Protein backbone atom coordinates (compact mmCIF):
# COMPACT_ATOMS: atom_id res chain seq x y z
CA MET A 1 0.08 0.10 -0.20
CA LEU A 2 1.15 3.80 -0.67
CA LEU A 3 -0.21 6.08 1.01
CA GLU A 4 0.61 9.89 1.43
CA VAL A 5 -1.39 12.38 3.85
CA PHE A 6 -1.47 16.29 2.78
CA PRO A 7 -2.62 18.27 6.08
CA SER A 8 -4.45 21.23 4.11
CA GLY A 9 -6.65 24.56 4.16
CA PRO A 10 -7.11 26.50 7.21
CA VAL A 11 -7.49 23.89 9.78
CA ASP A 12 -4.99 21.25 8.83
CA THR A 13 -7.18 18.91 7.54
CA ASN A 14 -5.97 15.34 6.10
CA ALA A 15 -6.33 14.44 2.70
CA TYR A 16 -4.92 11.11 1.54
CA LEU A 17 -3.91 9.50 -1.38
CA ILE A 18 -3.53 5.83 -1.51
CA GLY A 19 -2.28 3.48 -3.91
CA CYS A 20 -1.84 -0.09 -5.03
CA PRO A 21 2.11 0.11 -5.27
CA GLN A 22 1.24 -3.59 -8.02
CA THR A 23 -1.26 -1.67 -10.24
CA LEU A 24 -1.09 1.62 -9.76
CA ARG A 25 -4.39 2.61 -9.50
CA ALA A 26 -5.16 5.07 -6.51
CA VAL A 27 -8.21 6.88 -4.65
CA VAL A 28 -8.50 10.25 -2.90
CA ILE A 29 -10.10 10.37 0.38
CA ASP A 30 -11.22 14.16 1.08
CA VAL A 31 -10.02 17.02 -0.35
CA PRO A 32 -9.31 20.16 1.75
CA LEU A 33 -8.51 23.61 0.64
CA GLU A 34 -5.25 23.92 -0.85
CA SER A 35 -4.84 19.85 -1.67
CA THR A 36 -5.17 19.55 -5.09
CA PRO A 37 -2.13 20.34 -6.32
CA LEU A 38 -0.10 18.58 -3.84
CA ILE A 39 -1.85 15.42 -4.51
CA LEU A 40 -1.70 15.44 -8.20
CA LYS A 41 1.81 16.70 -7.91
CA ARG A 42 2.43 13.08 -5.43
CA ALA A 43 0.35 10.95 -7.72
CA ALA A 44 2.19 12.36 -10.95
CA ALA A 45 5.52 11.08 -9.18
CA LEU A 46 4.45 7.59 -8.23
CA SER A 47 3.06 6.83 -11.31
CA LEU A 48 -0.39 6.79 -10.07
CA THR A 49 -3.76 6.50 -11.76
CA ILE A 50 -6.69 8.19 -9.98
CA GLU A 51 -9.89 6.30 -10.04
CA CYS A 52 -12.37 7.93 -7.10
CA ILE A 53 -12.90 10.28 -4.61
CA LEU A 54 -13.89 9.12 -1.69
CA LEU A 55 -15.36 11.33 1.35
CA THR A 56 -15.18 10.33 5.11
CA HIS A 57 -17.98 13.06 5.55
CA SER A 58 -19.45 16.71 4.24
CA HIS A 59 -18.12 18.98 6.24
CA TRP A 60 -16.53 21.84 4.53
CA ASP A 61 -13.00 21.54 5.45
CA HIS A 62 -13.06 17.99 3.79
CA THR A 63 -15.06 18.82 0.89
CA ALA A 64 -13.66 22.58 -0.05
CA GLU A 65 -11.96 21.28 -3.23
CA VAL A 66 -13.67 18.15 -4.41
CA ASP A 67 -15.12 20.07 -7.48
CA LEU A 68 -12.01 21.22 -8.61
CA LEU A 69 -10.27 17.70 -8.25
CA LYS A 70 -13.29 15.97 -10.01
CA GLN A 71 -13.46 18.70 -12.99
CA THR A 72 -9.39 18.07 -13.43
CA LEU A 73 -9.71 14.17 -12.94
CA HIS A 74 -13.29 13.28 -14.63
CA VAL A 75 -13.84 11.06 -11.86
CA PRO A 76 -16.46 9.69 -9.59
CA VAL A 77 -17.04 10.83 -6.15
CA TYR A 78 -18.96 8.62 -3.67
CA VAL A 79 -20.34 10.24 -0.46
CA HIS A 80 -22.59 8.61 2.24
CA GLY A 81 -26.35 9.21 1.17
CA GLU A 82 -27.08 10.88 4.91
CA ASP A 83 -24.32 13.82 3.92
CA ALA A 84 -25.15 14.27 0.19
CA GLY A 85 -27.54 16.68 0.39
CA ASN A 86 -24.70 19.25 2.19
CA LEU A 87 -22.36 18.07 -0.18
CA GLU A 88 -24.42 19.04 -3.30
CA LYS A 89 -25.28 23.13 -1.11
CA PRO A 90 -22.28 23.51 1.52
CA GLY A 91 -23.33 24.86 4.28
CA SER A 92 -26.53 23.35 4.19
CA ASP A 93 -25.52 21.56 7.09
CA GLY A 94 -26.11 25.02 9.12
CA LEU A 95 -21.85 25.27 9.29
CA PRO A 96 -20.83 29.07 8.79
CA LEU A 97 -18.31 28.70 5.22
CA MET A 98 -15.31 30.65 5.69
CA PHE A 99 -14.90 30.98 1.39
CA PRO A 100 -17.23 29.84 -1.67
CA ILE A 101 -17.55 25.96 -1.86
CA PRO A 102 -18.53 24.91 -5.15
CA GLY A 103 -21.82 22.05 -4.60
CA VAL A 104 -20.91 18.71 -6.48
CA VAL A 105 -23.80 15.60 -7.02
CA PRO A 106 -21.95 12.52 -5.56
CA ASP A 107 -21.65 10.03 -8.51
CA ALA A 108 -22.38 7.04 -6.13
CA LEU A 109 -23.64 6.58 -2.70
CA LEU A 110 -21.78 5.29 -0.02
CA THR A 111 -23.51 1.98 2.28
CA ASP A 112 -22.44 0.54 5.34
CA GLY A 113 -20.85 -3.27 4.76
CA GLN A 114 -20.16 -1.91 1.05
CA GLU A 115 -16.94 -3.11 -0.07
CA LEU A 116 -14.63 -1.29 -2.67
CA LYS A 117 -11.69 -2.13 -4.75
CA VAL A 118 -8.99 0.00 -6.29
CA GLY A 119 -6.25 -2.12 -8.29
CA HIS A 120 -5.53 -4.80 -5.39
CA LEU A 121 -6.48 -2.83 -2.52
CA ARG A 122 -9.98 -3.70 -0.69
CA ILE A 123 -11.89 -0.70 1.03
CA GLN A 124 -14.61 -1.41 3.27
CA VAL A 125 -17.11 1.05 4.47
CA ILE A 126 -17.87 1.30 7.96
CA HIS A 127 -20.64 3.72 8.51
CA THR A 128 -19.77 5.71 11.66
CA PRO A 129 -22.36 8.04 12.17
CA GLY A 130 -22.20 11.01 15.12
CA HIS A 131 -19.78 13.66 14.15
CA SER A 132 -22.18 14.00 11.19
CA PRO A 133 -25.09 11.90 9.80
CA GLY A 134 -23.65 10.19 7.36
CA GLY A 135 -19.57 9.99 8.74
CA VAL A 136 -17.67 7.02 7.12
CA CYS A 137 -14.21 5.50 7.63
CA PHE A 138 -12.19 3.56 5.18
CA TYR A 139 -10.63 -0.07 6.30
CA PHE A 140 -8.75 -1.59 4.36
CA PRO A 141 -8.55 -5.18 6.24
CA ASP A 142 -6.01 -6.66 4.21
CA GLU A 143 -3.22 -3.86 5.29
CA LYS A 144 -5.04 -2.80 8.76
CA VAL A 145 -5.48 0.44 8.04
CA LEU A 146 -8.58 2.57 9.05
CA ILE A 147 -9.07 6.45 7.57
CA SER A 148 -11.13 7.27 10.16
CA GLY A 149 -12.32 10.85 9.20
CA ASP A 150 -13.69 13.27 12.29
CA THR A 151 -14.79 9.82 13.96
CA LEU A 152 -11.55 9.62 15.73
CA PHE A 153 -8.76 11.37 16.40
CA ARG A 154 -5.70 10.34 18.91
CA GLY A 155 -6.90 10.21 22.07
CA THR A 156 -10.52 11.84 21.29
CA ILE A 157 -13.42 12.16 19.08
CA GLY A 158 -15.07 14.74 16.54
CA SER A 159 -17.07 17.50 17.98
CA LEU A 160 -20.49 16.35 19.05
CA HIS A 161 -21.85 19.93 19.04
CA LEU A 162 -22.20 20.78 15.34
CA PRO A 163 -25.43 21.61 14.08
CA THR A 164 -26.26 17.86 12.45
CA ALA A 165 -24.11 15.97 14.72
CA ARG A 166 -25.78 12.72 15.94
CA PRO A 167 -24.49 12.32 19.73
CA PRO A 168 -26.04 9.31 20.97
CA LEU A 169 -24.84 7.40 17.52
CA MET A 170 -21.55 8.20 18.10
CA TRP A 171 -20.73 5.63 21.42
CA PRO A 172 -21.90 2.70 18.97
CA SER A 173 -19.95 4.13 15.98
CA LEU A 174 -16.50 3.81 18.65
CA LYS A 175 -17.72 0.53 19.43
CA ARG A 176 -17.44 -0.92 16.03
CA LEU A 177 -14.13 0.69 15.51
CA ALA A 178 -13.10 -0.97 18.68
CA ALA A 179 -13.70 -4.69 17.49
CA LEU A 180 -11.01 -4.00 14.56
CA PRO A 181 -7.69 -5.62 15.12
CA PRO A 182 -5.53 -3.55 17.59
CA GLU A 183 -2.48 -3.64 15.44
CA THR A 184 -5.11 -1.55 13.02
CA LYS A 185 -3.17 2.17 11.91
CA VAL A 186 -5.69 4.67 11.88
CA TYR A 187 -5.14 7.75 10.37
CA PRO A 188 -7.91 10.43 11.26
CA GLY A 189 -9.22 13.42 9.58
CA HIS A 190 -7.00 15.90 11.84
CA GLY A 191 -3.49 15.30 13.53
CA ALA A 192 -1.08 12.56 13.74
CA PRO A 193 -1.87 8.69 13.04
CA THR A 194 -2.56 6.13 16.40
CA THR A 195 -3.73 2.82 16.42
CA ILE A 196 -6.77 0.63 17.43
CA GLY A 197 -4.68 -0.75 20.16
CA ASP A 198 -3.47 2.69 21.60
CA GLU A 199 -7.18 4.17 22.04
CA LYS A 200 -8.54 1.05 24.10
CA TRP A 201 -11.14 3.70 25.95
CA ILE A 202 -13.14 3.82 23.00
CA ALA A 203 -14.95 0.19 23.68
CA ASN A 204 -16.26 2.26 26.71
CA ALA A 205 -16.61 5.47 25.17
CA LYS A 206 -20.73 6.71 26.24
CA GLY A 207 -22.18 10.32 27.13
CA LYS A 208 -25.06 11.89 28.51
CA SER A 209 -26.31 13.59 25.09
């Protein structure tokens, strides 16, 4: 697995370029502001062909350049159905936008348990509502790698105080992640990586709301 991370935009949101070393097919996960030229330059250097754009959720800091990358590469965009509306009309989730963001109509809707393939890489979709209704994580079972979006960070979780957050749903979402192998490497939407084993607390996480 080839994995490159590009912290970008005003809140250092992580964009990911993930490729299959055998086939040189690749996927981009999340496209924050100012990430597109970084992604394209690195993909060219590695001779990767980007096949699609996957989104962990639709908050503006993760989707600011989805339209730009899609129009540049002419590749499909995937998001969970419960976050599709905010991708099409950025800001409809009640979060104020720091700058104008073009809306994007997704080409396909992700569903829990769905499996995608990019080259020889298998990608399993885990619906993890809480931070947003349609938040998902992307699990690569053969490599034991999880792209967790804003569901799980090192030592903490994504905010549950946003307009469309679903706090009661976060705790079962975390328990699902806790069931992954402890050696699973977790790459979050912001900040440094961690592992499931280093986040044992998520198995018993709970809140009042």
